[in-house]
Amino acid sequence: MKLPHFFFPLCPCMNSAEIVQFNDGVILTTSIESTAKAIKAIHNSKIKFYVWDLEWIRHPSNYFNNYKIFNHPSVEVIARSYDHAKVIQNYANLPKVKVVENCNLEKILWQD
């Protein structure tokens, strides 16, 4: 089966430089770096950090900076599994992390 070189996403996909032009919506981030960029940008959108990868385990990173990102008041942290949620809660000292398996966009974006 040959896959096409492109696909049509069911939501807008934008470069992180365009965050400031995006308002009154949901910004879905998937890395610590992209979440930090979304926090620094001026907008009135909700930031949902879907932690697909436990990147800080493999690569050295600044714990205190990561802690601030995970605990930022405008960020909702979402894990991809209950095991990941436990690791994230322990790492970032979060009381509870929402879990959405299989990257279900409907549950990530519209279920609070």
N, C-alpha and C. Protein backbone atom coordinates (compact mmCIF):
# COMPACT_ATOMS: atom_id res chain seq x y z
N MET A 1 0.84 -1.18 0.00
CA MET A 1 0.00 0.00 0.00
C MET A 1 0.89 1.24 0.00
N LYS A 2 0.70 2.08 -0.96
CA LYS A 2 1.50 3.30 -1.06
C LYS A 2 0.74 4.44 -0.38
N LEU A 3 1.41 5.11 0.53
CA LEU A 3 0.79 6.23 1.25
C LEU A 3 1.03 7.52 0.48
N PRO A 4 0.07 8.43 0.53
CA PRO A 4 0.27 9.72 -0.15
C PRO A 4 1.31 10.56 0.57
N HIS A 5 1.89 11.51 -0.12
CA HIS A 5 2.91 12.38 0.45
C HIS A 5 2.30 13.49 1.30
N PHE A 6 1.00 13.57 1.37
CA PHE A 6 0.33 14.60 2.13
C PHE A 6 -0.92 14.00 2.76
N PHE A 7 -1.49 14.70 3.70
CA PHE A 7 -2.75 14.30 4.28
C PHE A 7 -3.51 15.56 4.67
N PHE A 8 -4.80 15.43 4.85
CA PHE A 8 -5.65 16.56 5.20
C PHE A 8 -6.05 16.44 6.67
N PRO A 9 -5.44 17.24 7.56
CA PRO A 9 -5.78 17.16 8.98
C PRO A 9 -7.19 17.70 9.22
N LEU A 10 -7.76 17.26 10.32
CA LEU A 10 -9.11 17.69 10.68
C LEU A 10 -9.11 18.96 11.53
N CYS A 11 -7.96 19.57 11.67
CA CYS A 11 -7.84 20.81 12.44
C CYS A 11 -6.73 21.65 11.81
N PRO A 12 -6.68 22.94 12.12
CA PRO A 12 -5.61 23.76 11.55
C PRO A 12 -4.25 23.35 12.10
N CYS A 13 -3.27 23.33 11.24
CA CYS A 13 -1.89 23.07 11.64
C CYS A 13 -1.10 24.31 11.28
N MET A 14 -0.50 24.92 12.28
CA MET A 14 0.19 26.18 12.07
C MET A 14 1.60 26.12 12.61
N ASN A 15 2.45 26.95 12.07
CA ASN A 15 3.80 27.11 12.56
C ASN A 15 3.72 27.80 13.92
N SER A 16 4.64 27.48 14.82
CA SER A 16 4.60 28.08 16.16
C SER A 16 4.74 29.60 16.13
N ALA A 17 5.31 30.15 15.06
CA ALA A 17 5.44 31.61 14.95
C ALA A 17 4.07 32.28 14.78
N GLU A 18 3.06 31.53 14.41
CA GLU A 18 1.72 32.08 14.18
C GLU A 18 0.82 32.03 15.42
N ILE A 19 1.35 31.61 16.55
CA ILE A 19 0.54 31.50 17.76
C ILE A 19 -0.12 32.83 18.13
N VAL A 20 0.60 33.92 17.99
CA VAL A 20 0.07 35.21 18.40
C VAL A 20 -1.14 35.64 17.56
N GLN A 21 -1.30 35.07 16.38
CA GLN A 21 -2.44 35.40 15.52
C GLN A 21 -3.64 34.50 15.79
N PHE A 22 -3.48 33.52 16.65
CA PHE A 22 -4.54 32.55 16.92
C PHE A 22 -5.16 32.86 18.27
N ASN A 23 -6.44 33.20 18.29
CA ASN A 23 -7.12 33.58 19.53
C ASN A 23 -8.43 32.83 19.70
N ASP A 24 -8.86 32.75 20.95
CA ASP A 24 -10.14 32.14 21.31
C ASP A 24 -10.27 30.70 20.84
N GLY A 25 -9.23 29.93 20.96
CA GLY A 25 -9.28 28.52 20.55
C GLY A 25 -8.47 27.67 21.50
N VAL A 26 -8.02 26.56 20.98
CA VAL A 26 -7.20 25.63 21.75
C VAL A 26 -5.88 25.45 21.02
N ILE A 27 -4.80 25.63 21.75
CA ILE A 27 -3.47 25.36 21.20
C ILE A 27 -3.02 24.03 21.78
N LEU A 28 -2.80 23.06 20.92
CA LEU A 28 -2.38 21.73 21.33
C LEU A 28 -0.88 21.61 21.12
N THR A 29 -0.15 21.41 22.21
CA THR A 29 1.30 21.25 22.13
C THR A 29 1.66 19.82 22.48
N THR A 30 2.80 19.37 21.99
CA THR A 30 3.20 17.98 22.23
C THR A 30 4.63 17.86 22.75
N SER A 31 5.27 18.97 23.05
CA SER A 31 6.62 18.91 23.62
C SER A 31 6.78 20.04 24.63
N ILE A 32 7.79 19.91 25.45
CA ILE A 32 8.06 20.96 26.45
C ILE A 32 8.41 22.26 25.73
N GLU A 33 9.20 22.17 24.67
CA GLU A 33 9.61 23.37 23.93
C GLU A 33 8.42 24.08 23.29
N SER A 34 7.53 23.33 22.65
CA SER A 34 6.38 23.98 22.01
C SER A 34 5.43 24.56 23.05
N THR A 35 5.33 23.93 24.20
CA THR A 35 4.49 24.46 25.27
C THR A 35 5.08 25.76 25.81
N ALA A 36 6.39 25.81 25.96
CA ALA A 36 7.06 27.04 26.42
C ALA A 36 6.82 28.18 25.45
N LYS A 37 6.88 27.90 24.14
CA LYS A 37 6.61 28.93 23.13
C LYS A 37 5.17 29.42 23.23
N ALA A 38 4.24 28.51 23.45
CA ALA A 38 2.83 28.90 23.56
C ALA A 38 2.59 29.76 24.81
N ILE A 39 3.27 29.44 25.90
CA ILE A 39 3.13 30.22 27.13
C ILE A 39 3.65 31.64 26.93
N LYS A 40 4.78 31.78 26.25
CA LYS A 40 5.41 33.09 26.05
C LYS A 40 4.64 33.98 25.08
N ALA A 41 3.88 33.39 24.17
CA ALA A 41 3.15 34.18 23.17
C ALA A 41 1.95 34.87 23.82
N ILE A 42 1.57 35.99 23.25
CA ILE A 42 0.42 36.73 23.76
C ILE A 42 -0.82 36.28 22.97
N HIS A 43 -1.74 35.64 23.66
CA HIS A 43 -2.97 35.13 23.05
C HIS A 43 -3.96 34.86 24.17
N ASN A 44 -5.18 34.56 23.82
CA ASN A 44 -6.18 34.21 24.85
C ASN A 44 -6.75 32.82 24.59
N SER A 45 -5.95 31.94 24.06
CA SER A 45 -6.36 30.57 23.80
C SER A 45 -5.98 29.66 24.96
N LYS A 46 -6.65 28.51 25.04
CA LYS A 46 -6.30 27.50 26.03
C LYS A 46 -5.11 26.71 25.50
N ILE A 47 -4.19 26.36 26.38
CA ILE A 47 -3.04 25.53 26.00
C ILE A 47 -3.24 24.14 26.59
N LYS A 48 -3.26 23.14 25.73
CA LYS A 48 -3.36 21.75 26.18
C LYS A 48 -2.08 21.04 25.76
N PHE A 49 -1.33 20.59 26.75
CA PHE A 49 -0.04 19.93 26.53
C PHE A 49 -0.28 18.42 26.57
N TYR A 50 -0.33 17.81 25.39
CA TYR A 50 -0.51 16.36 25.29
C TYR A 50 0.87 15.72 25.32
N VAL A 51 1.22 15.17 26.47
CA VAL A 51 2.56 14.63 26.68
C VAL A 51 2.63 13.23 26.06
N TRP A 52 3.05 13.20 24.81
CA TRP A 52 3.17 11.93 24.11
C TRP A 52 4.48 11.24 24.46
N ASP A 53 5.51 12.03 24.68
CA ASP A 53 6.85 11.51 24.90
C ASP A 53 7.40 12.03 26.22
N LEU A 54 7.96 11.16 27.01
CA LEU A 54 8.60 11.56 28.26
C LEU A 54 10.04 11.96 27.95
N GLU A 55 10.16 13.07 27.24
CA GLU A 55 11.43 13.49 26.65
C GLU A 55 12.53 13.78 27.66
N TRP A 56 12.19 14.22 28.86
CA TRP A 56 13.18 14.57 29.86
C TRP A 56 13.92 13.34 30.39
N ILE A 57 13.39 12.16 30.17
CA ILE A 57 14.04 10.94 30.63
C ILE A 57 15.26 10.61 29.76
N ARG A 58 15.16 10.85 28.47
CA ARG A 58 16.24 10.52 27.53
C ARG A 58 17.27 11.62 27.33
N HIS A 59 16.83 12.87 27.44
CA HIS A 59 17.72 14.00 27.16
C HIS A 59 17.86 14.86 28.41
N PRO A 60 19.07 15.28 28.72
CA PRO A 60 19.22 16.18 29.87
C PRO A 60 18.46 17.48 29.62
N SER A 61 17.79 17.97 30.63
CA SER A 61 17.04 19.22 30.49
C SER A 61 17.00 19.94 31.83
N ASN A 62 16.55 21.17 31.80
CA ASN A 62 16.48 22.01 32.99
C ASN A 62 15.21 21.66 33.77
N TYR A 63 15.35 20.97 34.88
CA TYR A 63 14.20 20.53 35.65
C TYR A 63 13.33 21.70 36.10
N PHE A 64 13.95 22.76 36.60
CA PHE A 64 13.18 23.88 37.13
C PHE A 64 12.38 24.58 36.03
N ASN A 65 12.95 24.69 34.86
CA ASN A 65 12.23 25.26 33.72
C ASN A 65 11.06 24.35 33.33
N ASN A 66 11.31 23.06 33.26
CA ASN A 66 10.25 22.10 32.93
C ASN A 66 9.14 22.13 33.97
N TYR A 67 9.52 22.22 35.24
CA TYR A 67 8.54 22.27 36.32
C TYR A 67 7.60 23.47 36.15
N LYS A 68 8.18 24.63 35.81
CA LYS A 68 7.36 25.83 35.60
C LYS A 68 6.39 25.64 34.44
N ILE A 69 6.83 24.97 33.38
CA ILE A 69 5.97 24.75 32.22
C ILE A 69 4.83 23.80 32.57
N PHE A 70 5.14 22.68 33.22
CA PHE A 70 4.10 21.71 33.59
C PHE A 70 3.09 22.30 34.57
N ASN A 71 3.53 23.21 35.42
CA ASN A 71 2.66 23.78 36.46
C ASN A 71 2.14 25.16 36.12
N HIS A 72 2.34 25.62 34.91
CA HIS A 72 1.85 26.94 34.52
C HIS A 72 0.32 26.95 34.58
N PRO A 73 -0.28 28.01 35.12
CA PRO A 73 -1.74 28.03 35.29
C PRO A 73 -2.54 27.99 33.99
N SER A 74 -1.95 28.36 32.87
CA SER A 74 -2.71 28.34 31.61
C SER A 74 -2.53 27.04 30.83
N VAL A 75 -1.82 26.08 31.41
CA VAL A 75 -1.55 24.82 30.70
C VAL A 75 -2.32 23.67 31.35
N GLU A 76 -3.04 22.92 30.51
CA GLU A 76 -3.67 21.68 30.95
C GLU A 76 -2.80 20.53 30.45
N VAL A 77 -2.27 19.74 31.38
CA VAL A 77 -1.40 18.62 31.03
C VAL A 77 -2.26 17.37 30.83
N ILE A 78 -2.02 16.69 29.71
CA ILE A 78 -2.78 15.49 29.36
C ILE A 78 -1.77 14.39 29.01
N ALA A 79 -1.94 13.22 29.61
CA ALA A 79 -1.05 12.10 29.35
C ALA A 79 -1.69 11.12 28.37
N ARG A 80 -0.85 10.30 27.73
CA ARG A 80 -1.37 9.34 26.76
C ARG A 80 -1.70 7.99 27.38
N SER A 81 -1.31 7.78 28.63
CA SER A 81 -1.65 6.52 29.32
C SER A 81 -1.60 6.77 30.82
N TYR A 82 -2.16 5.84 31.57
CA TYR A 82 -2.16 5.98 33.03
C TYR A 82 -0.75 5.84 33.59
N ASP A 83 0.08 5.01 32.95
CA ASP A 83 1.47 4.89 33.38
C ASP A 83 2.23 6.19 33.16
N HIS A 84 2.01 6.82 32.01
CA HIS A 84 2.65 8.12 31.74
C HIS A 84 2.15 9.17 32.73
N ALA A 85 0.87 9.13 33.06
CA ALA A 85 0.31 10.10 34.00
C ALA A 85 1.00 10.00 35.36
N LYS A 86 1.27 8.77 35.82
CA LYS A 86 1.97 8.59 37.10
C LYS A 86 3.38 9.18 37.06
N VAL A 87 4.09 8.96 35.94
CA VAL A 87 5.44 9.49 35.81
C VAL A 87 5.41 11.02 35.79
N ILE A 88 4.46 11.59 35.05
CA ILE A 88 4.34 13.05 34.94
C ILE A 88 3.98 13.65 36.30
N GLN A 89 3.04 13.03 37.00
CA GLN A 89 2.65 13.53 38.32
C GLN A 89 3.84 13.52 39.28
N ASN A 90 4.63 12.46 39.24
CA ASN A 90 5.80 12.36 40.10
C ASN A 90 6.86 13.39 39.70
N TYR A 91 7.11 13.54 38.41
CA TYR A 91 8.15 14.45 37.92
C TYR A 91 7.81 15.91 38.20
N ALA A 92 6.56 16.30 37.93
CA ALA A 92 6.18 17.71 38.02
C ALA A 92 5.37 18.05 39.27
N ASN A 93 5.22 17.08 40.16
CA ASN A 93 4.47 17.30 41.40
C ASN A 93 3.06 17.81 41.12
N LEU A 94 2.41 17.17 40.16
CA LEU A 94 1.03 17.52 39.82
C LEU A 94 0.08 16.59 40.56
N PRO A 95 -1.01 17.12 41.10
CA PRO A 95 -1.94 16.27 41.85
C PRO A 95 -2.68 15.27 40.96
N LYS A 96 -3.07 15.70 39.77
CA LYS A 96 -3.81 14.81 38.88
C LYS A 96 -3.55 15.23 37.43
N VAL A 97 -3.37 14.24 36.57
CA VAL A 97 -3.15 14.48 35.15
C VAL A 97 -4.24 13.76 34.38
N LYS A 98 -4.90 14.47 33.49
CA LYS A 98 -5.93 13.88 32.64
C LYS A 98 -5.29 12.87 31.70
N VAL A 99 -5.99 11.78 31.42
CA VAL A 99 -5.47 10.74 30.52
C VAL A 99 -6.41 10.61 29.33
N VAL A 100 -5.84 10.69 28.13
CA VAL A 100 -6.58 10.45 26.88
C VAL A 100 -5.73 9.51 26.04
N GLU A 101 -6.19 8.30 25.87
CA GLU A 101 -5.43 7.30 25.14
C GLU A 101 -5.65 7.43 23.63
N ASN A 102 -4.69 6.93 22.88
CA ASN A 102 -4.74 6.86 21.41
C ASN A 102 -4.88 8.22 20.73
N CYS A 103 -4.41 9.26 21.36
CA CYS A 103 -4.43 10.61 20.77
C CYS A 103 -5.81 10.96 20.21
N ASN A 104 -6.84 10.70 20.99
CA ASN A 104 -8.21 10.97 20.59
C ASN A 104 -8.46 12.49 20.64
N LEU A 105 -8.39 13.14 19.47
CA LEU A 105 -8.50 14.59 19.41
C LEU A 105 -9.81 15.11 19.96
N GLU A 106 -10.89 14.39 19.75
CA GLU A 106 -12.19 14.85 20.25
C GLU A 106 -12.16 14.96 21.78
N LYS A 107 -11.59 13.97 22.46
CA LYS A 107 -11.52 14.02 23.91
C LYS A 107 -10.51 15.05 24.39
N ILE A 108 -9.42 15.20 23.66
CA ILE A 108 -8.40 16.18 24.06
C ILE A 108 -8.94 17.60 23.94
N LEU A 109 -9.57 17.91 22.84
CA LEU A 109 -9.96 19.30 22.56
C LEU A 109 -11.27 19.71 23.22
N TRP A 110 -12.24 18.83 23.35
CA TRP A 110 -13.57 19.27 23.78
C TRP A 110 -14.04 18.70 25.09
N GLN A 111 -13.32 17.80 25.69
CA GLN A 111 -13.77 17.23 26.96
C GLN A 111 -12.97 17.85 28.10
N ASP A 112 -13.64 18.51 29.02
CA ASP A 112 -12.95 19.11 30.18
C ASP A 112 -13.19 18.34 31.43
